[in-house]
Amino acid sequence: MDGNGRWAKQKGKLRVFGHENGAKAVKQVVEGCAELDVKNLTLYAFSTENWKRPKLEVQTLMKLLISSLKKEIKTLHDNKIKLNAIGNLQALPTKVYSELMDVIEITKDNSKVTLTLALSYGSREELINTVKQISIKVKNNIISPEKIDELVINQHLYTQNLPDVDLLIRTGGEQRISNFLLWQIAYAELYFTNVFWPDFTKEHLYEAIINYQKRERRFGKTSEQLS
């Protein structure tokens, strides 16, 4: 969800103004996915690198997260959306973590859409933690090296209960992955748009999905094999 700061700057406002308006785009996209019967939506809300940003901006983002979670509980329930979170969640401020866990608990029985927030998330850190976990199990003879495969790795990722990514959308004009779900997007279709996140609407979501539907996903096979 990129471009909040640049969007605000264009309007002569502080970066936090962009983050506040970005929350409206979140609601649009979440509701759009529910209407389209998209089963899983993951939003890159706060990266491990984002902790390096100015203190005021980080504090504002955390406050915005709490207020948004409280405000949108009814929307989550009305759309049968289950909240999930991945990342180094223990690094979050105590109040943010507590509120997050409360909403996850309240929505745990919803089953139409799983909305995953990537918070204090970095894919390299995730992979390092995965290697450490598996290494300990190998050392303790719980797993033999010969048995390590994609399934074993998937079982030790933050996303162990989620499918691989089909479509990755990045707003704001940048064309890079920025340490997001590096393992999980191995076969994802990538879609980049110049639209800043606060301006991203359901219509932009539809455009991205229509673009995705026109692509041929071969997973290493030839077009002839698929047909």
Protein backbone atom coordinates (compact mmCIF):
# COMPACT_ATOMS: atom_id res chain seq x y z
CA MET A 1 0.00 0.00 0.00
CA ASP A 2 2.49 2.59 -1.24
CA GLY A 3 2.29 6.32 -1.88
CA ASN A 4 0.61 7.77 1.23
CA GLY A 5 3.46 10.17 1.98
CA ARG A 6 3.91 11.35 -1.60
CA TRP A 7 0.14 11.80 -1.98
CA ALA A 8 0.09 14.06 1.10
CA LYS A 9 3.17 15.98 -0.06
CA GLN A 10 1.51 16.78 -3.39
CA LYS A 11 -1.34 18.35 -1.42
CA GLY A 12 1.00 20.35 0.80
CA LYS A 13 0.13 18.22 3.83
CA LEU A 14 2.15 16.20 6.35
CA ARG A 15 2.81 12.52 5.63
CA VAL A 16 0.43 11.49 8.42
CA PHE A 17 -2.43 13.05 6.43
CA GLY A 18 -1.69 10.53 3.70
CA HIS A 19 -1.75 7.61 6.13
CA GLU A 20 -5.10 8.76 7.51
CA ASN A 21 -6.60 8.86 4.03
CA GLY A 22 -4.97 5.56 3.16
CA ALA A 23 -7.23 3.92 5.73
CA LYS A 24 -10.21 4.76 3.48
CA ALA A 25 -8.60 2.83 0.63
CA VAL A 26 -8.18 -0.16 2.94
CA LYS A 27 -11.93 -0.20 3.57
CA GLN A 28 -12.64 0.03 -0.18
CA VAL A 29 -10.35 -2.87 -1.04
CA VAL A 30 -11.49 -5.09 1.83
CA GLU A 31 -15.14 -4.60 0.91
CA GLY A 32 -14.33 -5.11 -2.77
CA CYS A 33 -12.61 -8.43 -2.07
CA ALA A 34 -15.58 -9.57 0.02
CA GLU A 35 -17.98 -8.68 -2.80
CA LEU A 36 -15.83 -10.54 -5.35
CA ASP A 37 -15.49 -13.59 -3.09
CA VAL A 38 -11.71 -13.27 -2.86
CA LYS A 39 -10.84 -15.68 -0.05
CA ASN A 40 -7.52 -14.19 1.09
CA LEU A 41 -6.24 -10.62 1.17
CA THR A 42 -2.89 -9.66 2.70
CA LEU A 43 -2.04 -5.99 3.28
CA TYR A 44 1.55 -4.89 3.86
CA ALA A 45 0.72 -2.42 6.63
CA PHE A 46 4.06 -1.91 8.42
CA SER A 47 7.45 -3.38 7.57
CA THR A 48 10.42 -4.12 9.82
CA GLU A 49 12.20 -1.27 8.01
CA ASN A 50 9.37 1.16 8.82
CA TRP A 51 10.56 1.31 12.45
CA LYS A 52 13.37 3.55 11.12
CA ARG A 53 10.92 6.27 10.12
CA PRO A 54 10.50 9.48 12.19
CA LYS A 55 9.14 8.74 15.67
CA LEU A 56 6.03 10.90 15.18
CA GLU A 57 5.11 9.08 11.97
CA VAL A 58 5.50 5.67 13.61
CA GLN A 59 3.40 6.75 16.59
CA THR A 60 0.71 8.08 14.26
CA LEU A 61 0.64 4.82 12.28
CA MET A 62 0.23 2.82 15.49
CA LYS A 63 -2.59 5.07 16.73
CA LEU A 64 -4.25 4.85 13.33
CA LEU A 65 -4.05 1.07 13.45
CA ILE A 66 -5.80 0.93 16.83
CA SER A 67 -8.55 3.38 15.85
CA SER A 68 -9.14 1.60 12.53
CA LEU A 69 -9.43 -1.81 14.18
CA LYS A 70 -11.97 -0.53 16.70
CA LYS A 71 -13.95 1.34 14.04
CA GLU A 72 -14.10 -1.52 11.55
CA ILE A 73 -15.16 -4.43 13.79
CA LYS A 74 -18.77 -4.12 12.54
CA THR A 75 -17.61 -4.00 8.90
CA LEU A 76 -15.51 -7.12 9.45
CA HIS A 77 -18.48 -8.97 10.95
CA ASP A 78 -20.99 -7.73 8.36
CA ASN A 79 -18.72 -9.04 5.58
CA LYS A 80 -17.81 -12.22 7.50
CA ILE A 81 -14.13 -11.26 7.48
CA LYS A 82 -11.63 -13.01 9.74
CA LEU A 83 -8.67 -10.88 10.84
CA ASN A 84 -5.21 -12.41 10.85
CA ALA A 85 -1.73 -10.93 11.37
CA ILE A 86 1.82 -11.93 10.44
CA GLY A 87 5.20 -10.54 11.38
CA ASN A 88 7.20 -9.91 14.53
CA LEU A 89 4.05 -8.96 16.44
CA GLN A 90 5.84 -8.91 19.78
CA ALA A 91 7.67 -5.80 18.59
CA LEU A 92 4.40 -3.85 18.44
CA PRO A 93 3.50 -1.48 21.30
CA THR A 94 1.62 -3.32 24.07
CA LYS A 95 -1.67 -1.48 23.46
CA VAL A 96 -1.53 -2.13 19.71
CA TYR A 97 -0.75 -5.81 20.22
CA SER A 98 -3.57 -6.20 22.75
CA GLU A 99 -6.15 -4.50 20.51
CA LEU A 100 -4.99 -6.56 17.53
CA MET A 101 -5.35 -9.82 19.44
CA ASP A 102 -8.81 -8.81 20.65
CA VAL A 103 -10.09 -8.23 17.10
CA ILE A 104 -8.47 -11.47 15.90
CA GLU A 105 -10.29 -13.33 18.68
CA ILE A 106 -13.61 -11.60 18.02
CA THR A 107 -13.53 -12.41 14.27
CA LYS A 108 -12.00 -15.89 14.46
CA ASP A 109 -15.20 -17.68 13.40
CA ASN A 110 -15.79 -15.55 10.28
CA SER A 111 -15.10 -17.55 7.14
CA LYS A 112 -15.82 -15.58 3.96
CA VAL A 113 -12.52 -13.69 3.74
CA THR A 114 -9.27 -13.91 5.69
CA LEU A 115 -7.75 -10.44 5.97
CA THR A 116 -4.09 -10.67 6.96
CA LEU A 117 -2.20 -7.61 8.15
CA ALA A 118 1.57 -7.81 7.72
CA LEU A 119 2.80 -5.82 10.74
CA SER A 120 6.42 -5.38 11.73
CA TYR A 121 6.92 -7.80 8.86
CA GLY A 122 10.00 -8.50 6.79
CA SER A 123 10.32 -11.52 4.54
CA ARG A 124 14.07 -11.94 5.09
CA GLU A 125 13.51 -11.96 8.85
CA GLU A 126 10.73 -14.50 8.35
CA LEU A 127 13.03 -16.77 6.33
CA ILE A 128 15.85 -16.42 8.88
CA ASN A 129 13.44 -17.44 11.67
CA THR A 130 12.26 -20.37 9.56
CA VAL A 131 15.83 -21.61 9.03
CA LYS A 132 16.52 -21.31 12.76
CA GLN A 133 13.39 -23.26 13.71
CA ILE A 134 14.14 -26.06 11.27
CA SER A 135 17.82 -26.13 12.31
CA ILE A 136 16.85 -26.64 15.94
CA LYS A 137 14.54 -29.51 14.98
CA VAL A 138 17.31 -31.10 12.89
CA LYS A 139 19.74 -30.73 15.80
CA ASN A 140 17.23 -32.42 18.14
CA ASN A 141 16.53 -35.20 15.62
CA ILE A 142 12.92 -34.10 15.16
CA ILE A 143 13.45 -33.60 11.40
CA SER A 144 16.10 -35.27 9.25
CA PRO A 145 17.79 -33.04 6.62
CA GLU A 146 16.59 -35.40 3.88
CA LYS A 147 12.96 -34.69 4.81
CA ILE A 148 13.21 -30.91 4.39
CA ASP A 149 11.10 -29.87 1.41
CA GLU A 150 8.72 -27.04 0.42
CA LEU A 151 6.00 -28.40 2.70
CA VAL A 152 8.30 -28.37 5.74
CA ILE A 153 9.41 -24.81 4.98
CA ASN A 154 5.80 -23.66 4.50
CA GLN A 155 4.89 -25.12 7.89
CA HIS A 156 7.45 -22.86 9.61
CA LEU A 157 6.55 -19.58 7.89
CA TYR A 158 4.27 -16.90 9.37
CA THR A 159 1.89 -17.76 6.51
CA GLN A 160 1.66 -21.47 7.31
CA ASN A 161 -2.16 -21.33 7.24
CA LEU A 162 -2.38 -19.27 4.04
CA PRO A 163 -2.09 -20.26 0.35
CA ASP A 164 0.64 -18.93 -1.94
CA VAL A 165 0.02 -15.52 -3.48
CA ASP A 166 -1.78 -15.41 -6.85
CA LEU A 167 -1.70 -11.67 -7.46
CA LEU A 168 0.54 -9.01 -5.91
CA ILE A 169 -0.59 -5.40 -6.38
CA ARG A 170 1.74 -2.51 -5.60
CA THR A 171 0.48 1.07 -5.74
CA GLY A 172 2.45 4.31 -5.94
CA GLY A 173 4.51 3.72 -9.08
CA GLU A 174 7.46 1.84 -7.54
CA GLN A 175 8.31 -1.46 -9.23
CA ARG A 176 9.95 -3.54 -6.54
CA ILE A 177 8.91 -6.11 -3.94
CA SER A 178 10.41 -4.42 -0.85
CA ASN A 179 10.92 -7.56 1.26
CA PHE A 180 7.31 -8.75 1.04
CA LEU A 181 6.42 -12.47 1.04
CA LEU A 182 9.49 -13.41 -1.01
CA TRP A 183 8.93 -17.17 -0.69
CA GLN A 184 5.16 -16.98 -1.10
CA ILE A 185 5.18 -14.92 -4.34
CA ALA A 186 7.38 -17.34 -6.29
CA TYR A 187 4.64 -17.80 -8.93
CA ALA A 188 2.55 -14.70 -8.25
CA GLU A 189 1.49 -12.34 -11.01
CA LEU A 190 2.85 -8.84 -10.32
CA TYR A 191 0.76 -5.74 -10.99
CA PHE A 192 2.19 -2.23 -10.58
CA THR A 193 0.10 0.92 -10.76
CA ASN A 194 1.02 4.62 -10.53
CA VAL A 195 -2.08 5.33 -8.43
CA PHE A 196 -1.14 6.39 -4.90
CA TRP A 197 -2.71 4.26 -2.21
CA PRO A 198 -5.12 6.92 -0.82
CA ASP A 199 -6.65 7.20 -4.33
CA PHE A 200 -6.93 3.42 -4.83
CA THR A 201 -10.60 2.40 -5.17
CA LYS A 202 -12.67 -0.71 -5.83
CA GLU A 203 -12.53 0.19 -9.54
CA HIS A 204 -8.72 0.07 -9.46
CA LEU A 205 -8.94 -3.30 -7.71
CA TYR A 206 -11.26 -4.56 -10.46
CA GLU A 207 -8.81 -3.34 -13.13
CA ALA A 208 -5.98 -5.27 -11.46
CA ILE A 209 -8.04 -8.45 -11.26
CA ILE A 210 -9.22 -8.18 -14.87
CA ASN A 211 -5.57 -7.74 -15.91
CA TYR A 212 -4.70 -10.85 -13.88
CA GLN A 213 -7.49 -12.87 -15.51
CA LYS A 214 -6.01 -12.19 -18.94
CA ARG A 215 -2.62 -13.66 -18.03
CA GLU A 216 -1.51 -17.20 -18.75
CA ARG A 217 -0.13 -18.89 -15.63
CA ARG A 218 2.09 -21.75 -16.78
CA PHE A 219 4.01 -22.72 -13.60
CA GLY A 220 6.93 -23.95 -15.72
CA LYS A 221 4.79 -25.68 -18.37
CA THR A 222 4.28 -24.64 -21.99
CA SER A 223 1.12 -23.06 -23.38
CA GLU A 224 0.48 -26.24 -25.37
CA GLN A 225 0.52 -28.34 -22.21
CA LEU A 226 -2.07 -26.09 -20.57
CA SER A 227 -4.41 -26.20 -23.58
